[in-house]
Protein backbone atom coordinates (compact mmCIF):
# COMPACT_ATOMS: atom_id res chain seq x y z
CA MET A 1 56.87 -13.68 -13.73
CA SER A 2 53.26 -13.73 -12.55
CA LYS A 3 52.34 -15.84 -9.56
CA PHE A 4 49.12 -16.69 -11.40
CA ASP A 5 48.31 -19.07 -14.26
CA TYR A 6 44.97 -17.43 -15.12
CA PHE A 7 42.38 -15.07 -13.68
CA VAL A 8 38.64 -14.85 -13.16
CA VAL A 9 36.55 -11.70 -12.84
CA PHE A 10 33.65 -12.41 -10.47
CA ALA A 11 30.90 -10.00 -11.46
CA GLU A 12 27.20 -9.83 -12.33
CA MET A 13 25.12 -8.41 -15.13
CA ARG A 14 25.15 -4.62 -15.32
CA THR A 15 28.08 -4.13 -12.96
CA GLY A 16 30.44 -2.69 -15.59
CA SER A 17 32.10 -6.00 -16.40
CA ASN A 18 32.19 -5.27 -20.15
CA PHE A 19 34.02 -2.00 -19.48
CA LEU A 20 36.45 -3.73 -17.12
CA GLU A 21 37.13 -6.47 -19.66
CA THR A 22 37.77 -3.95 -22.42
CA ASN A 23 40.44 -2.28 -20.31
CA ILE A 24 41.96 -5.57 -19.21
CA ASN A 25 42.33 -6.47 -22.86
CA ALA A 26 44.06 -3.14 -23.47
CA PHE A 27 47.13 -4.64 -21.76
CA ASP A 28 49.25 -6.61 -24.22
CA ALA A 29 50.00 -9.27 -21.62
CA LEU A 30 46.36 -9.90 -20.61
CA SER A 31 43.48 -11.59 -22.39
CA CYS A 32 39.92 -11.87 -21.10
CA HIS A 33 37.50 -14.20 -22.91
CA GLY A 34 34.15 -12.83 -21.88
CA GLU A 35 31.56 -15.05 -20.22
CA ALA A 36 33.42 -18.24 -21.04
CA PHE A 37 31.16 -20.37 -18.85
CA ASN A 38 27.78 -18.78 -19.51
CA PRO A 39 25.45 -21.80 -19.80
CA HIS A 40 23.69 -20.30 -22.84
CA PHE A 41 26.63 -19.25 -24.99
CA ILE A 42 30.42 -19.38 -24.93
CA GLY A 43 32.37 -16.18 -24.41
CA TYR A 44 30.01 -13.80 -26.20
CA PRO A 45 26.62 -14.16 -27.93
CA ASN A 46 26.97 -15.48 -31.48
CA ARG A 47 30.48 -16.83 -30.85
CA ASP A 48 31.21 -20.42 -31.86
CA ASP A 49 34.17 -21.11 -29.60
CA VAL A 50 36.76 -19.81 -27.15
CA LEU A 51 40.33 -20.84 -27.91
CA GLY A 52 39.08 -23.62 -30.17
CA VAL A 53 36.71 -25.09 -27.56
CA THR A 54 33.11 -25.09 -28.76
CA LEU A 55 29.97 -24.71 -26.66
CA GLU A 56 29.20 -28.41 -27.06
CA GLN A 57 32.71 -29.41 -26.01
CA ARG A 58 32.62 -27.08 -23.02
CA THR A 59 29.22 -28.38 -21.97
CA ALA A 60 30.57 -31.93 -22.02
CA ASP A 61 33.86 -31.06 -20.34
CA PRO A 62 34.18 -27.55 -18.81
CA VAL A 63 37.67 -28.35 -17.51
CA ALA A 64 38.87 -28.58 -21.12
CA LEU A 65 38.10 -24.89 -21.63
CA LEU A 66 39.64 -24.01 -18.28
CA ARG A 67 42.79 -25.83 -19.35
CA ALA A 68 42.85 -23.97 -22.70
CA ILE A 69 42.55 -20.63 -20.91
CA LYS A 70 45.39 -21.50 -18.53
CA GLU A 71 47.60 -22.61 -21.40
CA GLU A 72 46.95 -19.75 -23.83
CA PRO A 73 50.46 -18.83 -25.02
CA GLY A 74 52.03 -15.41 -24.54
CA VAL A 75 49.41 -13.89 -22.22
CA LEU A 76 47.78 -14.28 -18.83
CA SER A 77 44.29 -15.34 -19.78
CA GLY A 78 41.00 -15.24 -17.92
CA PHE A 79 37.23 -14.82 -18.10
CA ARG A 80 34.20 -13.28 -16.43
CA TYR A 81 32.08 -15.44 -14.11
CA PHE A 82 28.57 -14.61 -12.83
CA HIS A 83 26.71 -16.42 -10.02
CA ASP A 84 24.55 -18.40 -12.49
CA HIS A 85 27.40 -19.60 -14.71
CA ASP A 86 28.54 -23.22 -14.94
CA PRO A 87 29.01 -24.26 -11.28
CA ARG A 88 31.30 -27.16 -12.21
CA VAL A 89 34.31 -24.85 -12.50
CA LEU A 90 33.63 -22.63 -9.50
CA ASP A 91 35.25 -24.77 -6.80
CA THR A 92 38.22 -25.49 -9.06
CA CYS A 93 38.87 -21.77 -9.48
CA LEU A 94 38.21 -20.83 -5.85
CA ASN A 95 40.48 -23.57 -4.50
CA ASP A 96 43.34 -22.80 -6.91
CA PRO A 97 45.82 -20.24 -5.52
CA ARG A 98 47.26 -19.96 -9.04
CA CYS A 99 43.94 -18.45 -10.15
CA ALA A 100 43.80 -14.68 -9.58
CA LYS A 101 40.45 -13.49 -8.26
CA ILE A 102 39.05 -10.11 -9.25
CA VAL A 103 35.76 -9.18 -7.58
CA LEU A 104 33.69 -6.44 -9.25
CA THR A 105 30.76 -5.00 -7.29
CA ARG A 106 28.09 -2.36 -7.84
CA ASN A 107 25.23 -0.91 -5.83
CA PRO A 108 22.56 -3.61 -6.34
CA LEU A 109 19.78 -1.06 -6.88
CA ASP A 110 21.72 0.55 -9.72
CA SER A 111 22.56 -2.80 -11.30
CA TYR A 112 18.94 -3.97 -11.00
CA VAL A 113 17.50 -0.85 -12.64
CA SER A 114 20.15 -0.99 -15.37
CA TRP A 115 19.24 -4.63 -16.01
CA LYS A 116 15.54 -3.77 -16.28
CA ILE A 117 16.30 -0.97 -18.78
CA ALA A 118 18.51 -3.26 -20.88
CA GLN A 119 15.69 -5.83 -20.93
CA ALA A 120 13.20 -3.18 -22.01
CA THR A 121 15.38 -1.62 -24.72
CA GLY A 122 17.34 -4.66 -25.88
CA GLN A 123 20.51 -2.55 -25.65
CA TRP A 124 23.21 -4.24 -23.56
CA LYS A 125 26.24 -2.25 -24.76
CA LEU A 126 26.67 1.33 -25.92
CA THR A 127 29.54 2.61 -28.03
CA ASP A 128 27.80 5.61 -29.66
CA VAL A 129 25.66 7.85 -27.47
CA ARG A 130 23.65 8.88 -30.55
CA ARG A 131 22.27 5.34 -30.64
CA ARG A 132 21.35 5.25 -26.97
CA LYS A 133 17.90 3.86 -26.22
CA ASP A 134 16.03 5.10 -23.19
CA SER A 135 13.15 3.68 -21.21
CA LYS A 136 11.53 4.16 -17.85
CA VAL A 137 11.00 0.85 -16.11
CA ARG A 138 8.71 -0.39 -13.39
CA PHE A 139 10.38 -1.39 -10.13
CA ASP A 140 9.36 -4.86 -8.88
CA GLY A 141 9.97 -5.09 -5.11
CA PRO A 142 9.91 -8.92 -4.71
CA GLU A 143 12.07 -9.36 -7.80
CA PHE A 144 14.59 -6.84 -6.45
CA LYS A 145 14.76 -8.66 -3.11
CA ARG A 146 15.52 -11.92 -4.91
CA HIS A 147 18.18 -10.08 -6.91
CA VAL A 148 19.84 -8.80 -3.73
CA GLU A 149 19.67 -12.21 -2.04
CA ASP A 150 21.33 -13.90 -5.03
CA LEU A 151 24.14 -11.33 -5.02
CA GLN A 152 24.66 -11.59 -1.26
CA ASP A 153 24.70 -15.39 -1.30
CA PHE A 154 27.32 -15.45 -4.03
CA GLN A 155 29.49 -12.83 -2.33
CA VAL A 156 29.38 -14.83 0.92
CA THR A 157 30.43 -17.95 -1.01
CA LEU A 158 33.40 -16.10 -2.49
CA MET A 159 34.44 -14.56 0.81
CA LYS A 160 34.21 -17.86 2.70
CA ALA A 161 36.27 -19.72 0.09
CA LEU A 162 38.98 -17.06 0.14
CA GLN A 163 39.08 -16.96 3.93
CA THR A 164 39.31 -20.71 4.43
CA SER A 165 42.00 -21.12 1.76
CA GLY A 166 44.08 -18.14 2.88
CA GLN A 167 43.71 -16.29 -0.41
CA THR A 168 42.93 -12.69 -1.22
CA ALA A 169 41.21 -11.02 -4.14
CA PHE A 170 41.51 -7.70 -5.97
CA TYR A 171 38.27 -5.79 -5.31
CA VAL A 172 36.95 -3.26 -7.80
CA ALA A 173 33.84 -1.16 -7.24
CA TYR A 174 31.81 0.13 -10.19
CA GLU A 175 32.96 3.65 -9.35
CA ASP A 176 36.63 2.53 -9.58
CA LEU A 177 36.30 1.63 -13.24
CA GLN A 178 36.96 5.22 -14.32
CA ASP A 179 40.22 5.40 -12.34
CA ILE A 180 43.29 4.67 -14.46
CA ASP A 181 45.41 4.18 -11.35
CA VAL A 182 43.11 1.38 -10.15
CA MET A 183 43.29 -0.28 -13.55
CA ASN A 184 47.08 -0.15 -13.54
CA GLY A 185 47.06 -1.43 -9.97
CA LEU A 186 44.99 -4.38 -11.14
CA ALA A 187 47.63 -5.13 -13.77
CA ARG A 188 50.36 -5.07 -11.11
CA TYR A 189 48.27 -7.47 -8.99
CA LEU A 190 48.24 -9.82 -11.98
CA GLY A 191 52.02 -9.52 -12.36
CA VAL A 192 52.03 -7.18 -15.38
CA ASP A 193 54.52 -4.29 -15.40
CA GLU A 194 52.91 -2.52 -18.36
CA THR A 195 50.80 0.56 -17.59
CA LEU A 196 48.05 2.22 -19.55
CA PRO A 197 48.31 5.96 -20.20
CA ALA A 198 44.52 6.26 -20.38
CA LEU A 199 41.39 4.15 -20.20
CA ASP A 200 39.68 2.69 -23.24
CA LYS A 201 36.37 4.52 -23.20
CA SER A 202 34.85 3.03 -26.32
CA LEU A 203 32.06 1.69 -24.12
CA LYS A 204 29.78 4.40 -22.73
CA ARG A 205 27.61 4.52 -19.64
CA GLN A 206 24.10 3.79 -20.80
CA ASN A 207 22.00 5.21 -17.99
CA PRO A 208 23.83 8.03 -16.20
CA SER A 209 20.76 9.72 -14.70
CA ALA A 210 19.43 9.28 -11.15
CA VAL A 211 17.32 6.25 -10.25
CA SER A 212 14.32 8.52 -9.67
CA GLU A 213 14.42 9.45 -13.36
CA LYS A 214 14.69 5.87 -14.55
CA VAL A 215 11.90 4.24 -12.53
CA SER A 216 8.23 4.97 -13.19
CA ASN A 217 7.06 3.97 -9.68
CA PHE A 218 9.94 5.44 -7.67
CA ALA A 219 7.85 5.71 -4.47
CA GLU A 220 7.76 1.91 -4.28
CA VAL A 221 11.56 1.76 -4.25
CA SER A 222 11.71 3.29 -0.77
CA LEU A 223 9.09 0.85 0.50
CA ALA A 224 11.04 -2.14 -0.81
CA LEU A 225 14.31 -0.85 0.63
CA ALA A 226 12.64 -0.36 4.02
CA ASP A 227 11.88 -4.09 4.13
CA LEU A 228 15.49 -5.04 3.42
CA ASP A 229 17.60 -5.60 6.53
CA ARG A 230 20.64 -3.87 5.05
CA PHE A 231 22.80 -4.32 8.13
CA ASN A 232 21.44 -7.72 9.18
CA LEU A 233 19.99 -6.21 12.35
CA ASN A 234 17.54 -9.10 12.72
CA ARG A 235 20.07 -11.82 12.06
CA THR A 236 20.38 -14.42 14.79
CA PRO A 237 24.13 -14.73 15.41
CA ASN A 238 25.40 -18.24 14.82
CA PHE A 239 28.68 -19.25 16.45
CA GLU A 240 28.26 -22.98 16.01
CA PRO A 241 30.93 -24.82 14.08
CA ARG A 242 29.73 -26.50 10.91
CA ARG A 243 28.66 -30.03 11.69
CA GLY A 244 29.44 -33.03 9.54
CA SER A 245 26.84 -35.33 8.08
CA VAL A 246 27.48 -37.93 10.88
CA VAL A 247 26.73 -40.77 8.47
CA PRO A 248 27.78 -43.53 10.97
CA THR A 249 24.81 -42.64 13.20
CA TYR A 250 22.19 -43.30 10.50
CA LEU A 251 19.87 -46.28 10.98
CA ALA A 252 18.41 -48.29 8.11
CA GLY A 253 15.72 -50.95 8.25
CA ALA A 254 16.80 -54.58 8.27
CA VAL A 255 14.73 -55.07 5.11
CA VAL A 256 12.47 -52.06 4.63
CA PRO A 257 14.22 -49.32 2.57
CA LEU A 258 13.79 -46.61 5.21
CA MET A 259 16.67 -44.72 6.75
CA TYR A 260 16.51 -42.63 9.93
CA MET A 261 18.95 -39.74 10.32
CA PRO A 262 18.90 -39.07 14.08
CA VAL A 263 19.12 -35.64 15.67
CA ARG A 264 20.73 -36.14 19.06
CA SER A 265 18.44 -35.89 22.11
CA GLY A 266 15.45 -36.39 19.87
CA PRO A 267 13.11 -39.40 20.15
CA GLU A 268 15.91 -41.71 18.97
CA GLU A 269 14.96 -44.84 20.96
CA GLN A 270 11.31 -44.53 20.05
CA VAL A 271 11.99 -44.18 16.30
CA ALA A 272 14.61 -46.95 16.29
CA ALA A 273 12.17 -49.33 17.99
CA TRP A 274 9.47 -48.51 15.43
CA LEU A 275 11.89 -48.97 12.51
CA ALA A 276 12.98 -52.35 13.89
CA ALA A 277 9.38 -53.45 14.45
CA LEU A 278 8.65 -52.92 10.75
CA ASP A 279 10.80 -55.99 10.07
CA SER A 280 10.06 -57.80 13.34
CA VAL A 281 13.64 -57.51 14.57
CA THR A 282 15.27 -55.90 17.60
CA THR A 283 17.07 -52.60 17.28
CA ASN A 284 20.32 -54.59 17.08
CA GLY A 285 19.04 -55.88 13.74
CA LEU A 286 19.02 -52.40 12.17
CA MET A 287 21.79 -51.46 9.77
CA THR A 288 24.15 -48.77 11.05
CA ASP A 289 27.80 -47.70 11.18
CA PHE A 290 27.62 -46.56 7.57
CA SER A 291 30.44 -44.82 5.78
CA GLN A 292 29.68 -42.51 2.87
CA LYS A 293 30.78 -45.31 0.55
CA THR A 294 28.52 -47.95 2.11
CA LEU A 295 25.67 -45.46 2.36
CA ARG A 296 25.88 -44.79 -1.39
CA LYS A 297 25.87 -48.54 -1.95
CA TRP A 298 22.75 -48.89 0.25
CA LYS A 299 20.98 -46.13 -1.69
CA ARG A 300 21.84 -47.71 -5.03
CA SER A 301 20.69 -51.15 -3.81
CA ASN A 302 17.39 -49.88 -2.39
CA LYS A 303 15.49 -48.22 -5.21
CA GLY A 304 12.67 -46.03 -4.00
CA HIS A 305 14.23 -45.64 -0.55
CA ARG A 306 13.15 -42.88 1.81
CA THR A 307 15.24 -41.05 4.40
CA PHE A 308 13.80 -39.07 7.27
CA THR A 309 14.66 -37.30 10.48
CA VAL A 310 12.60 -36.22 13.49
CA VAL A 311 12.90 -32.86 15.23
CA ARG A 312 11.83 -32.29 18.81
CA HIS A 313 10.59 -29.12 20.50
CA PRO A 314 13.68 -27.27 21.81
CA VAL A 315 12.38 -27.20 25.40
CA ALA A 316 11.82 -30.97 25.47
CA ARG A 317 15.08 -31.64 23.66
CA VAL A 318 17.39 -29.56 25.85
CA HIS A 319 15.73 -30.99 28.97
CA ALA A 320 16.32 -34.52 27.64
CA ALA A 321 19.96 -33.67 26.98
CA PHE A 322 20.32 -32.27 30.50
CA CYS A 323 18.79 -35.34 32.14
CA SER A 324 20.59 -38.00 30.10
CA ARG A 325 24.01 -36.42 29.59
CA ILE A 326 24.61 -33.99 32.47
CA LEU A 327 22.45 -34.81 35.47
CA ARG A 328 22.88 -38.56 35.54
CA THR A 329 26.19 -40.28 36.22
CA ASP A 330 25.57 -43.68 34.64
CA GLU A 331 26.72 -45.02 31.26
CA GLY A 332 26.25 -42.55 28.44
CA SER A 333 26.54 -39.45 30.61
CA TYR A 334 29.25 -36.84 30.10
CA SER A 335 31.17 -37.21 33.34
CA LYS A 336 34.05 -34.88 32.41
CA ILE A 337 31.74 -32.12 31.20
CA ARG A 338 29.55 -32.66 34.25
CA ASN A 339 32.50 -32.23 36.60
CA THR A 340 33.63 -29.09 34.78
CA LEU A 341 30.14 -27.63 34.95
CA ARG A 342 30.07 -28.23 38.70
CA ARG A 343 33.60 -27.03 39.40
CA VAL A 344 34.08 -24.17 36.93
CA HIS A 345 30.58 -23.03 35.97
CA LYS A 346 29.14 -23.66 39.45
CA LEU A 347 26.07 -25.56 38.28
CA PRO A 348 24.15 -26.86 41.32
CA LEU A 349 24.46 -30.51 40.31
CA PRO A 350 24.48 -33.24 42.98
CA LYS A 351 28.03 -34.62 43.15
CA GLU A 352 27.08 -38.30 42.96
CA GLY A 353 23.95 -37.83 40.90
CA PRO A 354 20.35 -37.26 42.02
CA GLY A 355 19.60 -38.78 45.42
CA PRO A 356 16.51 -39.00 47.62
CA ASP A 357 16.76 -35.32 48.55
CA TYR A 358 16.84 -34.14 44.92
CA ASP A 359 13.44 -32.52 44.50
CA VAL A 360 11.55 -30.45 41.91
CA ALA A 361 13.01 -27.14 43.16
CA ALA A 362 16.57 -28.48 42.94
CA HIS A 363 15.90 -29.85 39.48
CA ARG A 364 14.49 -26.57 38.22
CA ALA A 365 17.45 -24.60 39.61
CA ALA A 366 19.96 -26.99 38.05
CA PHE A 367 18.17 -26.96 34.69
CA LEU A 368 18.00 -23.15 34.56
CA ALA A 369 21.73 -23.00 35.34
CA PHE A 370 22.34 -25.50 32.53
CA LEU A 371 20.39 -23.27 30.12
CA ASP A 372 22.70 -20.37 31.04
CA PHE A 373 25.66 -22.59 30.19
CA VAL A 374 24.13 -23.74 26.87
CA LYS A 375 23.53 -20.16 25.80
CA ALA A 376 27.14 -19.20 26.51
CA ASN A 377 28.40 -22.44 24.97
CA LEU A 378 26.56 -21.98 21.67
CA GLN A 379 27.83 -18.40 21.49
CA GLY A 380 31.39 -19.68 21.67
CA GLN A 381 31.99 -18.27 25.14
CA THR A 382 33.07 -21.46 26.92
CA GLY A 383 35.93 -23.86 26.53
CA ILE A 384 33.61 -26.87 26.41
CA ARG A 385 32.70 -28.40 23.05
CA GLN A 386 29.38 -27.51 21.48
CA ASP A 387 27.92 -30.98 21.71
CA ALA A 388 25.38 -32.34 19.21
CA HIS A 389 22.93 -33.13 22.04
CA TRP A 390 22.28 -29.44 22.71
CA ALA A 391 23.47 -27.83 19.47
CA THR A 392 20.77 -26.45 17.18
CA GLN A 393 18.65 -28.81 15.11
CA SER A 394 18.93 -26.43 12.16
CA GLY A 395 22.70 -26.89 12.41
CA ALA A 396 22.20 -30.65 12.31
CA MET A 397 20.17 -30.25 9.09
CA ARG A 398 22.98 -28.26 7.49
CA GLY A 399 25.35 -31.06 8.46
CA PHE A 400 23.08 -33.66 6.88
CA GLY A 401 23.09 -31.54 3.73
CA ASP A 402 26.84 -31.98 3.33
CA PHE A 403 25.99 -35.47 2.10
CA ALA A 404 22.25 -35.68 1.44
CA LEU A 405 19.22 -34.00 2.98
CA PRO A 406 16.42 -36.19 4.37
CA ASP A 407 13.33 -36.71 2.22
CA MET A 408 11.13 -35.74 5.16
CA ILE A 409 11.56 -33.77 8.39
CA VAL A 410 8.97 -34.97 10.90
CA ARG A 411 8.03 -33.16 14.08
CA GLU A 412 7.93 -35.43 17.12
CA GLU A 413 4.27 -34.77 17.87
CA GLU A 414 3.36 -35.74 14.28
CA MET A 415 5.24 -39.05 14.15
CA GLY A 416 2.03 -41.04 14.57
CA SER A 417 0.77 -39.74 11.23
CA TYR A 418 3.87 -39.28 9.12
CA LEU A 419 5.95 -42.35 9.95
CA PRO A 420 3.21 -44.75 8.81
CA ALA A 421 2.85 -42.67 5.63
CA LEU A 422 6.58 -43.08 4.98
CA ALA A 423 6.33 -46.83 5.49
CA MET A 424 3.43 -47.01 3.06
CA GLN A 425 5.47 -45.12 0.46
CA VAL A 426 7.96 -47.99 0.44
CA GLY A 427 5.28 -50.66 0.18
CA ARG A 428 4.44 -51.53 3.80
CA LYS A 429 0.68 -51.80 4.33
CA SER A 430 0.91 -53.14 7.88
CA VAL A 431 2.64 -50.65 10.17
CA PRO A 432 3.37 -51.12 13.90
CA ASP A 433 2.27 -48.58 16.44
CA LEU A 434 4.79 -46.27 18.01
CA LEU A 435 5.73 -47.18 21.54
CA PRO A 436 5.05 -44.38 24.05
CA ALA A 437 8.01 -42.16 24.81
CA LYS A 438 9.77 -42.71 28.11
CA PRO A 439 9.57 -39.66 30.43
CA ASP A 440 12.76 -37.87 31.41
CA THR A 441 14.14 -38.99 34.75
CA PRO A 442 14.43 -38.37 37.63
CA ILE A 443 11.94 -35.49 37.22
CA ALA A 444 9.69 -34.94 34.22
CA LEU A 445 9.70 -31.68 32.33
CA GLU A 446 6.02 -31.10 33.16
CA ALA A 447 6.95 -30.68 36.82
CA ILE A 448 9.15 -27.61 36.21
CA TYR A 449 7.98 -26.09 32.91
CA ASP A 450 6.77 -22.51 33.01
CA GLU A 451 6.96 -19.25 31.03
CA GLU A 452 10.48 -18.51 32.28
CA ILE A 453 11.85 -21.79 30.95
CA GLU A 454 10.04 -21.30 27.62
CA SER A 455 11.47 -17.79 27.29
CA ARG A 456 15.01 -18.89 28.17
CA VAL A 457 14.94 -21.73 25.66
CA ARG A 458 13.43 -19.57 22.92
CA ASP A 459 16.23 -17.05 23.46
CA ILE A 460 18.85 -19.78 23.00
CA TYR A 461 17.21 -21.54 20.04
CA GLN A 462 15.73 -18.62 18.12
CA ARG A 463 16.91 -20.12 14.85
CA ASP A 464 15.19 -23.46 15.47
CA TYR A 465 11.95 -21.78 16.50
CA MET A 466 12.02 -19.78 13.28
CA VAL A 467 13.16 -22.56 10.91
CA PHE A 468 10.78 -25.25 12.18
CA GLY A 469 7.90 -23.04 13.29
CA PHE A 470 7.90 -24.18 16.90
CA GLU A 471 5.38 -22.58 19.24
CA LYS A 472 5.20 -22.88 23.03
CA TRP A 473 5.92 -26.37 24.36
CA ARG A 474 2.60 -26.53 26.20
């Protein structure tokens, strides 16, 4: 008895999925129903239904078709799924260990050129080579890059879902499709004992020649491939854990329908004071401690609301985190982390906090040592948590996105222009001025900032510099 209730073939256009389906259907115990969740048709073009479920019914309730596929009597049933098919069933399939996953891949250049030829000729399947249509196509570099990015994004989604759920898939490359042993191995993976003596070769390869013979501007192919970072050599490694949306930290106006989504060690006090002043209340009068449920209720009750966050230059932000959380010893500081940094990581921090003899040179030395720690910490090389006060701001944005992204991301130096504009969008014509930011204590960043600090911080926060377009702090 199979350990699966149904299967899905994750593939893309022009990867050989029709050929794979034909051979899956050659097994008596298997049944594949084409592109069952293609948003434009059901199963196959010009088909009215799959297992009695029509396109209209599937559009209204995709789970109904999924249920029909799972319950098809006498066979193990499945379908082909491409990255742009109905997304409503994707998570259901990926999270279901009773759904067998088959992943079909092909060289993206070959699949792209094949797709362009099919578009040009109108021939998407070939059963008789005498009717084969041929055409040279023009290679479009930007279009190809988008094609590759779409494929990569979808493959990463599949891999991540399988990894986190402890599942595995049966991988088939385009070149494997002509191997009868692989096809019979796929059947065994699905729990079928039957074997095929030979492949069904009613479908023929449409474009067997080299890419150079199929593309009219072949010289441009090499140029486009040169721009692709095939091995992710320029990728900034990211070892941060995924952050949640931290909904309880959000601040909403007492009356005004504005909501601030704070990034830790940003200008939080300054923005909160401005938001409170809009309604002539203290910061204690702001709404906070939301849950996702109460936040949804707030959004529904405040039509036309706006949400925003403020990002700070990485140099200023990590210095603020150092001063408020690590250097000081008063309320709000991280005393346990501070002690560990002194004892284990040998940071030159004054034991009882900064005293009269703590000068600019001592502050600069301690801050540079803290930057060394932050770099190691964000690379997963320390046993100390990667705290939100010095984690990347781009990571904070991804966390916000788990619930809802802000309507506007404001840079700290532009708050004077953009915060009043936000207030005006929700009907406030009279807007209070921003209070000046309090300098970091005991020693301001200006006293120690130089090219070395800028370079060290840029090395740590490469992703934030790239995502938000930060330049030098001064």
